[in-house]
Amino acid sequence: MKLIILDQNGVINQGRDTCIRTPDEWKPVPGSLQAIARLVHAGYRVVTATNQSGIGRGLLDMTTFNSINDKMLRAVQQEGGRIDALFFCPHTQHDKCTCRKPGIGMFKEIRQRYGVELSQVPAVGDSLRDLQAAAKAGAIPVLVLTGKGKDTLAGGELPANTQIYPDLSAVVDSLEIQAV
């Protein structure tokens, strides 16, 4: 099975300094929806793994969070793509959970659900904690320079073997996508 794990904010949709609180605030990163469609047409299962501490901080409720995700899923579908599953951590950093990246709880759940070792699975993110979680879980850490990606790159300390691309579309180009 071909699988790819994507962070949401800064990879699929434009990141913000604060969490996205309404569906109207959700805007795709240029080219990201088409990149997801290319992945799907090439036989990839696309899943997201995203920290959503805004839920734990009371900045948005589950109904609003689901509405934001519905908008994203519809937008992806309109481009001919699909996201198979959404994995998220609603906790704050003070909760000390194992699912919040850089913890690997979401990655363990993905591995269990799909029955796949992550050693050949790219995990795409724009923050250091995305890359750290990917590396600790045994996935391939991939940094995109959208969202917080340029700041993450400038900050250094990237996990070993981190791949770096301008955006999700360039990641897809690197996978030598061939439609099935």
N, C-alpha and C. Protein backbone atom coordinates (compact mmCIF):
# COMPACT_ATOMS: atom_id res chain seq x y z
N MET A 1 0.83 -1.18 0.00
CA MET A 1 0.00 0.00 0.00
C MET A 1 0.88 1.25 0.00
N LYS A 2 0.53 2.20 -0.86
CA LYS A 2 1.22 3.49 -0.87
C LYS A 2 0.44 4.43 0.04
N LEU A 3 1.14 4.99 1.03
CA LEU A 3 0.52 5.84 2.03
C LEU A 3 1.36 7.10 2.19
N ILE A 4 0.70 8.24 2.43
CA ILE A 4 1.39 9.48 2.74
C ILE A 4 0.63 10.17 3.87
N ILE A 5 1.39 10.75 4.79
CA ILE A 5 0.82 11.44 5.95
C ILE A 5 1.09 12.93 5.78
N LEU A 6 0.04 13.73 5.88
CA LEU A 6 0.16 15.17 5.71
C LEU A 6 -0.27 15.90 6.98
N ASP A 7 0.48 16.90 7.35
CA ASP A 7 -0.01 17.86 8.33
C ASP A 7 -1.02 18.72 7.58
N GLN A 8 -1.92 19.40 8.29
CA GLN A 8 -2.91 20.23 7.61
C GLN A 8 -2.45 21.67 7.50
N ASN A 9 -2.35 22.37 8.63
CA ASN A 9 -2.01 23.79 8.61
C ASN A 9 -0.60 24.00 8.09
N GLY A 10 -0.49 24.78 7.01
CA GLY A 10 0.81 25.06 6.43
C GLY A 10 1.21 24.11 5.31
N VAL A 11 0.50 22.99 5.19
CA VAL A 11 0.78 22.01 4.13
C VAL A 11 -0.39 21.98 3.15
N ILE A 12 -1.59 21.69 3.66
CA ILE A 12 -2.79 21.65 2.82
C ILE A 12 -3.43 23.03 2.78
N ASN A 13 -3.59 23.62 3.96
CA ASN A 13 -4.20 24.95 4.03
C ASN A 13 -3.19 25.95 4.60
N GLN A 14 -3.45 27.21 4.30
CA GLN A 14 -2.56 28.26 4.76
C GLN A 14 -2.59 28.33 6.28
N GLY A 15 -1.42 28.36 6.87
CA GLY A 15 -1.31 28.44 8.31
C GLY A 15 -1.57 29.86 8.80
N ARG A 16 -1.86 29.96 10.06
CA ARG A 16 -2.09 31.25 10.71
C ARG A 16 -1.33 31.25 12.03
N ASP A 17 -1.11 32.44 12.57
CA ASP A 17 -0.46 32.53 13.87
C ASP A 17 -1.36 31.97 14.97
N THR A 18 -2.66 32.10 14.78
CA THR A 18 -3.63 31.50 15.70
C THR A 18 -4.34 30.39 14.95
N CYS A 19 -5.10 29.59 15.65
CA CYS A 19 -5.78 28.48 14.98
C CYS A 19 -6.89 29.00 14.07
N ILE A 20 -7.22 28.20 13.09
CA ILE A 20 -8.34 28.52 12.20
C ILE A 20 -9.61 28.27 13.01
N ARG A 21 -10.46 29.28 13.13
CA ARG A 21 -11.63 29.19 13.99
C ARG A 21 -12.95 29.05 13.26
N THR A 22 -12.94 29.30 11.94
CA THR A 22 -14.18 29.19 11.17
C THR A 22 -13.87 28.60 9.80
N PRO A 23 -14.86 28.01 9.15
CA PRO A 23 -14.63 27.53 7.79
C PRO A 23 -14.20 28.64 6.83
N ASP A 24 -14.68 29.87 7.05
CA ASP A 24 -14.29 30.97 6.17
C ASP A 24 -12.81 31.29 6.25
N GLU A 25 -12.16 30.97 7.38
CA GLU A 25 -10.73 31.22 7.53
C GLU A 25 -9.88 30.15 6.84
N TRP A 26 -10.48 29.05 6.45
CA TRP A 26 -9.73 27.97 5.81
C TRP A 26 -9.48 28.33 4.35
N LYS A 27 -8.22 28.41 3.97
CA LYS A 27 -7.82 28.70 2.59
C LYS A 27 -6.72 27.72 2.20
N PRO A 28 -6.84 27.07 1.03
CA PRO A 28 -5.81 26.10 0.64
C PRO A 28 -4.50 26.77 0.25
N VAL A 29 -3.41 26.08 0.50
CA VAL A 29 -2.12 26.49 -0.04
C VAL A 29 -2.21 26.27 -1.56
N PRO A 30 -1.81 27.26 -2.36
CA PRO A 30 -1.89 27.08 -3.81
C PRO A 30 -1.24 25.77 -4.26
N GLY A 31 -1.98 25.00 -5.04
CA GLY A 31 -1.49 23.74 -5.60
C GLY A 31 -1.66 22.53 -4.71
N SER A 32 -2.01 22.72 -3.43
CA SER A 32 -2.08 21.57 -2.52
C SER A 32 -3.22 20.62 -2.86
N LEU A 33 -4.36 21.17 -3.23
CA LEU A 33 -5.51 20.31 -3.53
C LEU A 33 -5.25 19.47 -4.78
N GLN A 34 -4.64 20.08 -5.77
CA GLN A 34 -4.30 19.36 -6.99
C GLN A 34 -3.23 18.29 -6.71
N ALA A 35 -2.30 18.61 -5.81
CA ALA A 35 -1.26 17.63 -5.44
C ALA A 35 -1.90 16.41 -4.79
N ILE A 36 -2.87 16.63 -3.92
CA ILE A 36 -3.57 15.50 -3.28
C ILE A 36 -4.30 14.67 -4.33
N ALA A 37 -4.92 15.33 -5.29
CA ALA A 37 -5.60 14.59 -6.36
C ALA A 37 -4.61 13.74 -7.15
N ARG A 38 -3.44 14.27 -7.42
CA ARG A 38 -2.41 13.50 -8.13
C ARG A 38 -1.99 12.27 -7.33
N LEU A 39 -1.85 12.44 -6.02
CA LEU A 39 -1.51 11.30 -5.16
C LEU A 39 -2.57 10.22 -5.24
N VAL A 40 -3.81 10.62 -5.12
CA VAL A 40 -4.92 9.66 -5.14
C VAL A 40 -4.98 8.94 -6.48
N HIS A 41 -4.80 9.67 -7.57
CA HIS A 41 -4.85 9.05 -8.90
C HIS A 41 -3.69 8.10 -9.13
N ALA A 42 -2.63 8.26 -8.35
CA ALA A 42 -1.47 7.36 -8.43
C ALA A 42 -1.56 6.20 -7.43
N GLY A 43 -2.70 6.09 -6.77
CA GLY A 43 -2.92 4.96 -5.87
C GLY A 43 -2.51 5.17 -4.43
N TYR A 44 -2.21 6.38 -4.03
CA TYR A 44 -1.84 6.66 -2.64
C TYR A 44 -3.07 6.78 -1.75
N ARG A 45 -2.93 6.31 -0.53
CA ARG A 45 -3.87 6.62 0.55
C ARG A 45 -3.33 7.86 1.23
N VAL A 46 -4.14 8.88 1.34
CA VAL A 46 -3.73 10.15 1.94
C VAL A 46 -4.43 10.31 3.28
N VAL A 47 -3.63 10.52 4.34
CA VAL A 47 -4.19 10.76 5.66
C VAL A 47 -3.54 12.02 6.23
N THR A 48 -4.23 12.64 7.18
CA THR A 48 -3.64 13.79 7.86
C THR A 48 -3.38 13.43 9.31
N ALA A 49 -2.37 14.06 9.87
CA ALA A 49 -2.04 13.97 11.30
C ALA A 49 -1.75 15.40 11.74
N THR A 50 -2.63 15.94 12.57
CA THR A 50 -2.54 17.36 12.88
C THR A 50 -2.81 17.66 14.34
N ASN A 51 -1.99 18.53 14.92
CA ASN A 51 -2.26 19.04 16.26
C ASN A 51 -3.35 20.10 16.14
N GLN A 52 -4.34 20.01 16.99
CA GLN A 52 -5.43 20.99 16.99
C GLN A 52 -5.69 21.47 18.42
N SER A 53 -4.69 22.12 18.99
CA SER A 53 -4.80 22.56 20.39
C SER A 53 -5.88 23.61 20.59
N GLY A 54 -6.35 24.23 19.52
CA GLY A 54 -7.44 25.19 19.64
C GLY A 54 -8.67 24.57 20.28
N ILE A 55 -8.85 23.27 20.08
CA ILE A 55 -9.98 22.56 20.71
C ILE A 55 -9.74 22.51 22.22
N GLY A 56 -8.56 22.09 22.62
CA GLY A 56 -8.24 21.99 24.04
C GLY A 56 -8.19 23.33 24.75
N ARG A 57 -7.88 24.38 24.00
CA ARG A 57 -7.84 25.71 24.59
C ARG A 57 -9.20 26.41 24.56
N GLY A 58 -10.20 25.73 24.01
CA GLY A 58 -11.54 26.31 23.97
C GLY A 58 -11.74 27.36 22.89
N LEU A 59 -10.84 27.40 21.90
CA LEU A 59 -10.96 28.39 20.84
C LEU A 59 -11.92 27.95 19.74
N LEU A 60 -12.16 26.64 19.65
CA LEU A 60 -13.17 26.13 18.73
C LEU A 60 -13.72 24.83 19.28
N ASP A 61 -14.97 24.57 18.95
CA ASP A 61 -15.61 23.35 19.42
C ASP A 61 -15.57 22.30 18.31
N MET A 62 -15.98 21.10 18.63
CA MET A 62 -15.92 20.00 17.66
C MET A 62 -16.83 20.24 16.46
N THR A 63 -17.96 20.87 16.65
CA THR A 63 -18.86 21.16 15.53
C THR A 63 -18.17 22.07 14.52
N THR A 64 -17.51 23.11 15.02
CA THR A 64 -16.80 24.03 14.13
C THR A 64 -15.61 23.33 13.49
N PHE A 65 -14.87 22.56 14.27
CA PHE A 65 -13.74 21.81 13.73
C PHE A 65 -14.19 20.88 12.60
N ASN A 66 -15.31 20.19 12.81
CA ASN A 66 -15.84 19.31 11.77
C ASN A 66 -16.28 20.10 10.54
N SER A 67 -16.82 21.29 10.73
CA SER A 67 -17.23 22.13 9.59
C SER A 67 -16.01 22.57 8.78
N ILE A 68 -14.94 22.91 9.47
CA ILE A 68 -13.70 23.29 8.78
C ILE A 68 -13.17 22.10 7.98
N ASN A 69 -13.17 20.92 8.59
CA ASN A 69 -12.70 19.73 7.88
C ASN A 69 -13.62 19.37 6.72
N ASP A 70 -14.93 19.55 6.88
CA ASP A 70 -15.86 19.30 5.77
C ASP A 70 -15.52 20.19 4.58
N LYS A 71 -15.21 21.46 4.86
CA LYS A 71 -14.84 22.37 3.77
C LYS A 71 -13.58 21.87 3.07
N MET A 72 -12.58 21.44 3.86
CA MET A 72 -11.35 20.93 3.27
C MET A 72 -11.62 19.69 2.42
N LEU A 73 -12.38 18.76 2.96
CA LEU A 73 -12.66 17.51 2.24
C LEU A 73 -13.42 17.77 0.94
N ARG A 74 -14.37 18.69 0.97
CA ARG A 74 -15.12 19.04 -0.25
C ARG A 74 -14.19 19.69 -1.28
N ALA A 75 -13.31 20.57 -0.82
CA ALA A 75 -12.39 21.24 -1.73
C ALA A 75 -11.44 20.23 -2.39
N VAL A 76 -10.94 19.29 -1.61
CA VAL A 76 -10.08 18.23 -2.14
C VAL A 76 -10.85 17.40 -3.16
N GLN A 77 -12.07 17.04 -2.82
CA GLN A 77 -12.91 16.22 -3.71
C GLN A 77 -13.22 16.95 -5.02
N GLN A 78 -13.45 18.25 -4.94
CA GLN A 78 -13.73 19.02 -6.16
C GLN A 78 -12.56 19.01 -7.13
N GLU A 79 -11.37 18.79 -6.61
CA GLU A 79 -10.18 18.70 -7.47
C GLU A 79 -9.89 17.27 -7.90
N GLY A 80 -10.74 16.33 -7.49
CA GLY A 80 -10.55 14.94 -7.88
C GLY A 80 -9.74 14.12 -6.90
N GLY A 81 -9.54 14.64 -5.70
CA GLY A 81 -8.76 13.93 -4.69
C GLY A 81 -9.62 13.40 -3.57
N ARG A 82 -8.94 12.84 -2.57
CA ARG A 82 -9.63 12.28 -1.41
C ARG A 82 -8.63 12.20 -0.26
N ILE A 83 -9.11 12.50 0.93
CA ILE A 83 -8.34 12.26 2.14
C ILE A 83 -9.04 11.11 2.85
N ASP A 84 -8.31 10.02 3.06
CA ASP A 84 -8.91 8.80 3.58
C ASP A 84 -9.24 8.87 5.06
N ALA A 85 -8.43 9.58 5.83
CA ALA A 85 -8.68 9.65 7.27
C ALA A 85 -8.02 10.90 7.85
N LEU A 86 -8.65 11.45 8.87
CA LEU A 86 -8.13 12.60 9.59
C LEU A 86 -7.77 12.17 11.00
N PHE A 87 -6.51 12.25 11.35
CA PHE A 87 -6.06 11.96 12.71
C PHE A 87 -5.70 13.31 13.33
N PHE A 88 -6.18 13.56 14.54
CA PHE A 88 -5.89 14.84 15.16
C PHE A 88 -5.73 14.69 16.66
N CYS A 89 -4.96 15.61 17.22
CA CYS A 89 -4.78 15.70 18.67
C CYS A 89 -5.42 16.99 19.14
N PRO A 90 -6.44 16.90 19.99
CA PRO A 90 -7.12 18.10 20.47
C PRO A 90 -6.47 18.71 21.72
N HIS A 91 -5.40 18.12 22.18
CA HIS A 91 -4.82 18.50 23.47
C HIS A 91 -3.88 19.69 23.35
N THR A 92 -3.62 20.33 24.49
CA THR A 92 -2.63 21.40 24.55
C THR A 92 -1.30 20.78 24.98
N GLN A 93 -0.25 21.54 24.87
CA GLN A 93 1.07 21.02 25.26
C GLN A 93 1.14 20.73 26.75
N HIS A 94 0.28 21.37 27.54
CA HIS A 94 0.27 21.15 28.99
C HIS A 94 -0.40 19.84 29.38
N ASP A 95 -1.14 19.23 28.45
CA ASP A 95 -1.84 17.98 28.74
C ASP A 95 -0.89 16.78 28.79
N LYS A 96 0.31 16.93 28.23
CA LYS A 96 1.32 15.87 28.25
C LYS A 96 0.81 14.54 27.67
N CYS A 97 0.01 14.63 26.61
CA CYS A 97 -0.51 13.43 25.96
C CYS A 97 0.58 12.81 25.07
N THR A 98 0.32 11.64 24.55
CA THR A 98 1.28 10.99 23.64
C THR A 98 0.93 11.22 22.18
N CYS A 99 -0.26 11.80 21.92
CA CYS A 99 -0.66 11.98 20.52
C CYS A 99 -0.18 13.30 19.93
N ARG A 100 0.02 14.31 20.75
CA ARG A 100 0.42 15.63 20.25
C ARG A 100 1.85 15.56 19.71
N LYS A 101 2.01 15.96 18.45
CA LYS A 101 3.36 16.00 17.88
C LYS A 101 4.18 17.03 18.65
N PRO A 102 5.41 16.71 19.03
CA PRO A 102 6.28 15.69 18.45
C PRO A 102 6.09 14.28 19.00
N GLY A 103 5.08 14.05 19.82
CA GLY A 103 4.75 12.67 20.22
C GLY A 103 4.31 11.87 19.01
N ILE A 104 4.29 10.55 19.15
CA ILE A 104 4.03 9.71 17.97
C ILE A 104 2.72 8.94 18.06
N GLY A 105 1.85 9.34 18.97
CA GLY A 105 0.59 8.62 19.13
C GLY A 105 -0.24 8.53 17.86
N MET A 106 -0.35 9.63 17.12
CA MET A 106 -1.12 9.59 15.87
C MET A 106 -0.46 8.67 14.86
N PHE A 107 0.86 8.67 14.82
CA PHE A 107 1.57 7.81 13.88
C PHE A 107 1.38 6.33 14.24
N LYS A 108 1.37 6.02 15.53
CA LYS A 108 1.10 4.64 15.95
C LYS A 108 -0.30 4.22 15.53
N GLU A 109 -1.25 5.12 15.68
CA GLU A 109 -2.63 4.81 15.28
C GLU A 109 -2.73 4.60 13.77
N ILE A 110 -2.04 5.41 13.00
CA ILE A 110 -2.02 5.25 11.54
C ILE A 110 -1.40 3.90 11.18
N ARG A 111 -0.28 3.59 11.80
CA ARG A 111 0.39 2.30 11.52
C ARG A 111 -0.54 1.13 11.83
N GLN A 112 -1.23 1.21 12.96
CA GLN A 112 -2.14 0.13 13.35
C GLN A 112 -3.35 0.05 12.40
N ARG A 113 -3.95 1.18 12.11
CA ARG A 113 -5.15 1.18 11.26
C ARG A 113 -4.86 0.64 9.87
N TYR A 114 -3.70 1.02 9.30
CA TYR A 114 -3.40 0.63 7.93
C TYR A 114 -2.50 -0.60 7.84
N GLY A 115 -2.02 -1.09 8.97
CA GLY A 115 -1.20 -2.30 8.97
C GLY A 115 0.05 -2.17 8.13
N VAL A 116 0.70 -1.02 8.23
CA VAL A 116 1.88 -0.77 7.41
C VAL A 116 3.00 -0.21 8.28
N GLU A 117 4.21 -0.67 8.00
CA GLU A 117 5.37 -0.06 8.64
C GLU A 117 5.60 1.29 7.98
N LEU A 118 6.07 2.25 8.73
CA LEU A 118 6.15 3.62 8.24
C LEU A 118 7.49 3.96 7.58
N SER A 119 8.40 3.01 7.49
CA SER A 119 9.75 3.30 7.00
C SER A 119 9.79 3.84 5.57
N GLN A 120 8.78 3.53 4.77
CA GLN A 120 8.73 4.03 3.40
C GLN A 120 7.62 5.07 3.20
N VAL A 121 7.06 5.55 4.32
CA VAL A 121 5.93 6.49 4.26
C VAL A 121 6.43 7.92 4.49
N PRO A 122 6.23 8.79 3.50
CA PRO A 122 6.57 10.20 3.71
C PRO A 122 5.57 10.84 4.67
N ALA A 123 6.06 11.66 5.58
CA ALA A 123 5.22 12.43 6.50
C ALA A 123 5.59 13.89 6.29
N VAL A 124 4.68 14.65 5.73
CA VAL A 124 4.94 16.00 5.26
C VAL A 124 4.44 17.02 6.27
N GLY A 125 5.31 17.94 6.67
CA GLY A 125 4.92 18.98 7.61
C GLY A 125 5.70 20.25 7.37
N ASP A 126 5.30 21.30 8.10
CA ASP A 126 5.97 22.59 7.98
C ASP A 126 6.63 23.03 9.29
N SER A 127 6.52 22.22 10.33
CA SER A 127 7.10 22.61 11.62
C SER A 127 8.07 21.54 12.11
N LEU A 128 8.95 21.96 13.00
CA LEU A 128 9.94 21.04 13.54
C LEU A 128 9.26 19.87 14.25
N ARG A 129 8.19 20.12 14.99
CA ARG A 129 7.52 19.03 15.71
C ARG A 129 6.91 18.01 14.75
N ASP A 130 6.46 18.45 13.56
CA ASP A 130 5.97 17.51 12.55
C ASP A 130 7.09 16.55 12.13
N LEU A 131 8.26 17.13 11.88
CA LEU A 131 9.41 16.35 11.42
C LEU A 131 9.94 15.44 12.53
N GLN A 132 9.96 15.95 13.75
CA GLN A 132 10.43 15.13 14.88
C GLN A 132 9.52 13.93 15.09
N ALA A 133 8.22 14.13 15.01
CA ALA A 133 7.28 13.02 15.17
C ALA A 133 7.48 11.99 14.07
N ALA A 134 7.62 12.46 12.84
CA ALA A 134 7.83 11.54 11.72
C ALA A 134 9.09 10.71 11.94
N ALA A 135 10.18 11.36 12.30
CA ALA A 135 11.45 10.65 12.50
C ALA A 135 11.34 9.65 13.65
N LYS A 136 10.75 10.06 14.77
CA LYS A 136 10.63 9.16 15.92
C LYS A 136 9.74 7.96 15.60
N ALA A 137 8.75 8.16 14.73
CA ALA A 137 7.84 7.07 14.37
C ALA A 137 8.42 6.17 13.28
N GLY A 138 9.56 6.55 12.73
CA GLY A 138 10.19 5.74 11.68
C GLY A 138 9.73 6.08 10.28
N ALA A 139 8.96 7.17 10.11
CA ALA A 139 8.53 7.61 8.78
C ALA A 139 9.61 8.49 8.17
N ILE A 140 9.40 8.90 6.94
CA ILE A 140 10.34 9.77 6.24
C ILE A 140 9.92 11.22 6.50
N PRO A 141 10.74 12.00 7.23
CA PRO A 141 10.37 13.39 7.49
C PRO A 141 10.56 14.25 6.24
N VAL A 142 9.50 14.99 5.87
CA VAL A 142 9.53 15.84 4.68
C VAL A 142 9.07 17.23 5.09
N LEU A 143 9.94 18.22 4.88
CA LEU A 143 9.63 19.61 5.19
C LEU A 143 9.20 20.33 3.92
N VAL A 144 8.05 21.02 4.00
CA VAL A 144 7.66 21.92 2.93
C VAL A 144 7.88 23.35 3.42
N LEU A 145 8.23 24.24 2.50
CA LEU A 145 8.56 25.61 2.86
C LEU A 145 7.35 26.54 2.83
N THR A 146 6.16 25.96 2.77
CA THR A 146 4.94 26.73 2.91
C THR A 146 4.63 26.84 4.40
N GLY A 147 3.64 27.63 4.76
CA GLY A 147 3.31 27.78 6.17
C GLY A 147 4.50 28.28 6.96
N LYS A 148 4.89 27.55 8.00
CA LYS A 148 6.04 27.91 8.85
C LYS A 148 7.33 27.26 8.36
N GLY A 149 7.28 26.64 7.20
CA GLY A 149 8.42 25.86 6.71
C GLY A 149 9.72 26.61 6.58
N LYS A 150 9.67 27.85 6.06
CA LYS A 150 10.91 28.62 5.90
C LYS A 150 11.53 28.94 7.26
N ASP A 151 10.69 29.27 8.24
CA ASP A 151 11.20 29.53 9.59
C ASP A 151 11.76 28.26 10.20
N THR A 152 11.11 27.13 9.95
CA THR A 152 11.59 25.84 10.47
C THR A 152 12.96 25.53 9.89
N LEU A 153 13.12 25.73 8.60
CA LEU A 153 14.41 25.48 7.95
C LEU A 153 15.48 26.41 8.52
N ALA A 154 15.16 27.68 8.69
CA ALA A 154 16.12 28.65 9.21
C ALA A 154 16.51 28.32 10.65
N GLY A 155 15.60 27.70 11.40
CA GLY A 155 15.89 27.35 12.78
C GLY A 155 16.84 26.19 12.95
N GLY A 156 17.04 25.43 11.88
CA GLY A 156 17.96 24.30 11.93
C GLY A 156 17.43 23.17 12.80
N GLU A 157 18.32 22.29 13.22
CA GLU A 157 18.01 21.15 14.08
C GLU A 157 17.01 20.18 13.46
N LEU A 158 16.97 20.10 12.13
CA LEU A 158 16.07 19.16 11.46
C LEU A 158 16.53 17.73 11.73
N PRO A 159 15.60 16.80 11.84
CA PRO A 159 16.00 15.40 11.99
C PRO A 159 16.85 14.94 10.80
N ALA A 160 17.70 13.97 11.05
CA ALA A 160 18.53 13.42 9.99
C ALA A 160 17.65 12.94 8.84
N ASN A 161 18.15 13.10 7.63
CA ASN A 161 17.50 12.63 6.41
C ASN A 161 16.18 13.34 6.10
N THR A 162 15.97 14.52 6.66
CA THR A 162 14.77 15.29 6.31
C THR A 162 14.89 15.74 4.86
N GLN A 163 13.84 15.47 4.09
CA GLN A 163 13.77 15.94 2.72
C GLN A 163 13.10 17.32 2.73
N ILE A 164 13.52 18.22 1.85
CA ILE A 164 13.02 19.59 1.84
C ILE A 164 12.52 19.93 0.44
N TYR A 165 11.29 20.45 0.37
CA TYR A 165 10.67 20.84 -0.90
C TYR A 165 9.94 22.17 -0.74
N PRO A 166 9.78 22.89 -1.83
CA PRO A 166 9.09 24.17 -1.76
C PRO A 166 7.62 24.06 -1.30
N ASP A 167 6.94 22.99 -1.72
CA ASP A 167 5.53 22.83 -1.40
C ASP A 167 5.10 21.39 -1.64
N LEU A 168 3.83 21.11 -1.36
CA LEU A 168 3.33 19.75 -1.51
C LEU A 168 3.38 19.27 -2.95
N SER A 169 3.15 20.16 -3.88
CA SER A 169 3.22 19.78 -5.29
C SER A 169 4.61 19.27 -5.65
N ALA A 170 5.65 19.92 -5.14
CA ALA A 170 7.03 19.47 -5.40
C ALA A 170 7.30 18.12 -4.73
N VAL A 171 6.70 17.89 -3.57
CA VAL A 171 6.83 16.57 -2.92
C VAL A 171 6.26 15.50 -3.83
N VAL A 172 5.07 15.76 -4.36
CA VAL A 172 4.42 14.80 -5.25
C VAL A 172 5.28 14.57 -6.49
N ASP A 173 5.84 15.64 -7.05
CA ASP A 173 6.73 15.49 -8.21
C ASP A 173 7.89 14.55 -7.88
N SER A 174 8.42 14.63 -6.66
CA SER A 174 9.57 13.83 -6.27
C SER A 174 9.24 12.34 -6.12
N LEU A 175 7.97 12.03 -5.92
CA LEU A 175 7.57 10.64 -5.74
C LEU A 175 7.44 9.87 -7.06
N GLU A 176 7.78 10.55 -8.16
CA GLU A 176 7.68 9.93 -9.47
C GLU A 176 6.31 9.28 -9.66
N ILE A 177 5.30 10.11 -9.48
CA ILE A 177 3.91 9.67 -9.54
C ILE A 177 3.58 9.14 -10.92
N GLN A 178 3.02 7.96 -10.92
CA GLN A 178 2.48 7.38 -12.15
C GLN A 178 1.06 6.95 -11.85
N ALA A 179 0.14 7.41 -12.64
CA ALA A 179 -1.27 7.07 -12.43
C ALA A 179 -1.48 5.57 -12.58
N VAL A 180 -2.35 5.03 -11.74
CA VAL A 180 -2.66 3.60 -11.81
C VAL A 180 -3.78 3.35 -12.79
